[in-house]
Amino acid sequence: MHKLFSILSCVLALGCVSATALAETQTAIFAGGCFWCMQPPFDHAKGVTKTVVGYTGGTKETANYELVSAHKTQHREAIEVTYDPAIISYDQLLDIFWHNINPTQADGQFHDIGLSYQAAIYYANEAEKSAAEASKEKLAKSGKFDKPIVTEILPQMPFYSAEEYHQKYYLKNPEAFEAYHVGSGRVSYLQRIWGK
């Protein structure tokens, strides 16, 4: 009986550990144009535990690729990043974000034009808002850009996961992804601004 109690206690304790570990992660949401292209840099960052591409910022109560890409819902393609703040900070996530977009482009990102491709940082609280604003100001003063930084900083809105075939597209369809990634002008622009 004592052994059974010990086993049950262990199982319950493990459950508590998992719940605690889960509670220690946080999420951040960014819109950076084509969500396929935003997933790899966050996936490869140490401390990021999960990424989901989807839609946010719109006026409708739901979103799907057909409606969003036709600009019928006011949503933007976005990425929800789950991370461990003990390993990677929100400021570091902002840095990854800025290094993967054109912050001077207001009408979309690279060859993708329209509201659904416009870049934005979606803050969950005042601390994130302040951090985003500070990072934007720092970027503006960096001397890297000859145009104003126009990326919006907006309050978080409901996030809708994209269809499964969009998730980890760079792994599911590496050749098609690379052709798009390069063909959109993103790669050449980022190399020109930040180097290889």
Protein backbone atom coordinates (compact mmCIF):
# COMPACT_ATOMS: atom_id res chain seq x y z
CA MET A 1 0.00 0.00 0.00
CA HIS A 2 2.86 2.33 0.89
CA LYS A 3 4.51 1.59 -2.48
CA LEU A 4 1.25 2.39 -4.35
CA PHE A 5 0.95 5.66 -2.43
CA SER A 6 4.53 6.55 -3.38
CA ILE A 7 3.86 5.86 -7.05
CA LEU A 8 0.68 7.94 -7.01
CA SER A 9 2.52 10.78 -5.26
CA CYS A 10 5.24 10.63 -7.89
CA VAL A 11 2.70 10.75 -10.75
CA LEU A 12 0.92 13.68 -9.15
CA ALA A 13 4.21 15.47 -8.55
CA LEU A 14 5.24 15.02 -12.18
CA GLY A 15 1.90 16.43 -13.23
CA CYS A 16 2.51 19.47 -11.04
CA VAL A 17 5.99 19.94 -12.49
CA SER A 18 4.61 19.87 -16.03
CA ALA A 19 1.91 22.38 -15.17
CA THR A 20 4.49 24.64 -13.53
CA ALA A 21 6.83 24.41 -16.51
CA LEU A 22 3.94 25.22 -18.83
CA ALA A 23 2.98 28.24 -16.74
CA GLU A 24 6.54 29.60 -17.03
CA THR A 25 6.30 30.09 -20.79
CA GLN A 26 4.93 33.23 -22.40
CA THR A 27 3.65 34.08 -25.87
CA ALA A 28 4.34 36.94 -28.24
CA ILE A 29 2.64 37.79 -31.53
CA PHE A 30 4.26 39.40 -34.57
CA ALA A 31 3.11 40.11 -38.13
CA GLY A 32 5.98 40.18 -40.59
CA GLY A 33 4.53 39.59 -44.02
CA CYS A 34 4.43 36.01 -45.29
CA PHE A 35 4.14 33.87 -42.19
CA TRP A 36 6.02 31.02 -43.85
CA CYS A 37 9.13 33.21 -43.84
CA MET A 38 8.77 34.30 -40.21
CA GLN A 39 8.62 30.80 -38.74
CA PRO A 40 12.21 29.53 -39.31
CA PRO A 41 14.04 32.36 -37.50
CA PHE A 42 11.90 31.95 -34.39
CA ASP A 43 11.98 28.14 -34.56
CA HIS A 44 15.77 28.24 -34.55
CA ALA A 45 16.02 30.55 -31.54
CA LYS A 46 17.07 28.88 -28.28
CA GLY A 47 14.32 29.32 -25.71
CA VAL A 48 11.46 29.31 -28.20
CA THR A 49 9.39 26.25 -27.41
CA LYS A 50 6.67 26.51 -30.05
CA THR A 51 5.56 28.63 -33.00
CA VAL A 52 2.19 28.71 -34.74
CA VAL A 53 1.43 30.73 -37.85
CA GLY A 54 -2.00 32.27 -38.23
CA TYR A 55 -4.02 35.44 -38.46
CA THR A 56 -4.66 38.37 -36.14
CA GLY A 57 -5.81 41.97 -36.02
CA GLY A 58 -8.99 41.54 -38.03
CA THR A 59 -12.59 42.58 -37.66
CA LYS A 60 -14.22 39.19 -38.21
CA GLU A 61 -14.67 36.53 -35.53
CA THR A 62 -12.80 33.94 -37.54
CA ALA A 63 -10.16 33.83 -40.24
CA ASN A 64 -8.90 31.49 -42.91
CA TYR A 65 -6.34 31.80 -45.69
CA GLU A 66 -8.87 32.34 -48.47
CA LEU A 67 -10.57 35.28 -46.74
CA VAL A 68 -7.42 36.84 -45.30
CA SER A 69 -5.44 36.70 -48.54
CA ALA A 70 -8.39 38.34 -50.32
CA HIS A 71 -8.20 41.14 -47.70
CA LYS A 72 -11.82 40.55 -46.64
CA THR A 73 -11.33 40.31 -42.86
CA GLN A 74 -8.65 42.94 -42.05
CA HIS A 75 -6.48 40.21 -40.51
CA ARG A 76 -2.74 40.03 -41.03
CA GLU A 77 -0.61 36.94 -41.44
CA ALA A 78 1.14 36.54 -38.09
CA ILE A 79 3.11 34.22 -35.88
CA GLU A 80 2.48 33.30 -32.25
CA VAL A 81 5.74 32.54 -30.47
CA THR A 82 5.76 30.56 -27.22
CA TYR A 83 9.00 31.05 -25.32
CA ASP A 84 10.75 30.54 -22.01
CA PRO A 85 11.68 33.99 -20.66
CA ALA A 86 14.36 32.39 -18.49
CA ILE A 87 16.22 31.48 -21.70
CA ILE A 88 15.19 34.14 -24.24
CA SER A 89 13.84 37.59 -23.47
CA TYR A 90 11.06 39.53 -25.17
CA ASP A 91 13.72 42.04 -26.28
CA GLN A 92 15.59 39.22 -28.03
CA LEU A 93 12.38 38.18 -29.80
CA LEU A 94 11.94 41.77 -30.95
CA ASP A 95 15.48 41.67 -32.31
CA ILE A 96 14.70 38.52 -34.30
CA PHE A 97 11.56 40.19 -35.62
CA TRP A 98 13.34 43.38 -36.78
CA HIS A 99 16.11 41.34 -38.46
CA ASN A 100 13.56 39.51 -40.63
CA ILE A 101 11.35 42.30 -42.00
CA ASN A 102 11.60 45.59 -43.87
CA PRO A 103 10.51 48.04 -41.15
CA THR A 104 10.37 50.94 -43.62
CA GLN A 105 7.69 49.34 -45.82
CA ALA A 106 4.12 50.36 -45.00
CA ASP A 107 2.12 48.64 -47.77
CA GLY A 108 3.14 45.05 -47.05
CA GLN A 109 6.42 43.16 -46.95
CA PHE A 110 8.74 42.82 -49.91
CA HIS A 111 6.79 41.66 -52.99
CA ASP A 112 3.69 40.89 -50.92
CA ILE A 113 1.44 43.95 -50.93
CA GLY A 114 -1.76 44.52 -48.97
CA LEU A 115 -3.02 44.75 -45.39
CA SER A 116 -2.64 41.04 -44.70
CA TYR A 117 1.13 41.40 -45.24
CA GLN A 118 1.71 44.58 -43.25
CA ALA A 119 4.15 44.24 -40.37
CA ALA A 120 3.18 44.84 -36.75
CA ILE A 121 4.13 44.01 -33.19
CA TYR A 122 1.12 43.02 -31.09
CA TYR A 123 1.73 43.75 -27.41
CA ALA A 124 -0.05 41.95 -24.56
CA ASN A 125 0.69 44.46 -21.80
CA GLU A 126 2.30 47.81 -21.06
CA ALA A 127 5.72 46.23 -20.50
CA GLU A 128 5.69 44.70 -23.99
CA LYS A 129 4.42 47.96 -25.47
CA SER A 130 7.25 49.93 -23.85
CA ALA A 131 9.82 47.35 -24.96
CA ALA A 132 8.50 47.42 -28.53
CA GLU A 133 8.53 51.21 -28.66
CA ALA A 134 12.06 51.35 -27.25
CA SER A 135 13.32 48.79 -29.75
CA LYS A 136 11.67 50.68 -32.62
CA GLU A 137 13.34 53.91 -31.51
CA LYS A 138 16.70 52.15 -31.21
CA LEU A 139 16.28 50.75 -34.72
CA ALA A 140 15.44 54.22 -36.07
CA LYS A 141 18.68 55.56 -34.55
CA SER A 142 20.81 52.66 -35.77
CA GLY A 143 21.74 54.33 -39.06
CA LYS A 144 20.79 51.17 -40.96
CA PHE A 145 17.82 52.73 -42.73
CA ASP A 146 17.42 55.82 -44.89
CA LYS A 147 13.63 55.88 -44.48
CA PRO A 148 11.40 56.15 -41.38
CA ILE A 149 10.53 53.01 -39.40
CA VAL A 150 6.81 52.54 -40.04
CA THR A 151 6.07 49.15 -38.44
CA GLU A 152 3.02 49.45 -36.23
CA ILE A 153 2.85 48.60 -32.52
CA LEU A 154 -0.70 47.48 -31.71
CA PRO A 155 -2.62 45.87 -28.84
CA GLN A 156 -3.06 42.11 -29.12
CA MET A 157 -6.25 40.83 -30.68
CA PRO A 158 -7.56 37.26 -31.06
CA PHE A 159 -5.14 34.97 -32.87
CA TYR A 160 -6.43 32.25 -35.20
CA SER A 161 -4.16 29.36 -36.19
CA ALA A 162 -3.66 28.93 -39.91
CA GLU A 163 -4.50 25.76 -41.75
CA GLU A 164 -2.21 22.80 -41.03
CA TYR A 165 -0.52 22.87 -44.44
CA HIS A 166 0.86 26.34 -43.60
CA GLN A 167 2.46 25.20 -40.33
CA LYS A 168 6.22 24.57 -40.72
CA TYR A 169 5.87 25.07 -44.45
CA TYR A 170 9.65 25.43 -44.76
CA LEU A 171 10.04 21.84 -43.53
CA LYS A 172 7.12 20.33 -45.45
CA ASN A 173 7.99 21.96 -48.79
CA PRO A 174 11.63 23.10 -48.58
CA GLU A 175 12.15 23.72 -52.30
CA ALA A 176 8.94 25.70 -52.78
CA PHE A 177 9.67 27.62 -49.58
CA GLU A 178 13.19 28.54 -50.64
CA ALA A 179 12.02 29.67 -54.08
CA TYR A 180 9.43 31.92 -52.46
CA HIS A 181 11.75 33.13 -49.70
CA VAL A 182 14.37 34.23 -52.24
CA GLY A 183 11.96 35.25 -55.00
CA SER A 184 10.01 37.61 -52.76
CA GLY A 185 13.07 39.81 -52.34
CA ARG A 186 13.28 39.14 -48.61
CA VAL A 187 16.64 37.35 -48.62
CA SER A 188 18.49 39.92 -50.73
CA TYR A 189 17.09 42.82 -48.72
CA LEU A 190 18.01 41.31 -45.35
CA GLN A 191 21.52 40.48 -46.58
CA ARG A 192 21.97 44.05 -47.81
CA ILE A 193 20.87 45.54 -44.48
CA TRP A 194 22.32 43.07 -41.99
CA GLY A 195 24.94 41.13 -43.94
CA LYS A 196 25.04 37.33 -44.23
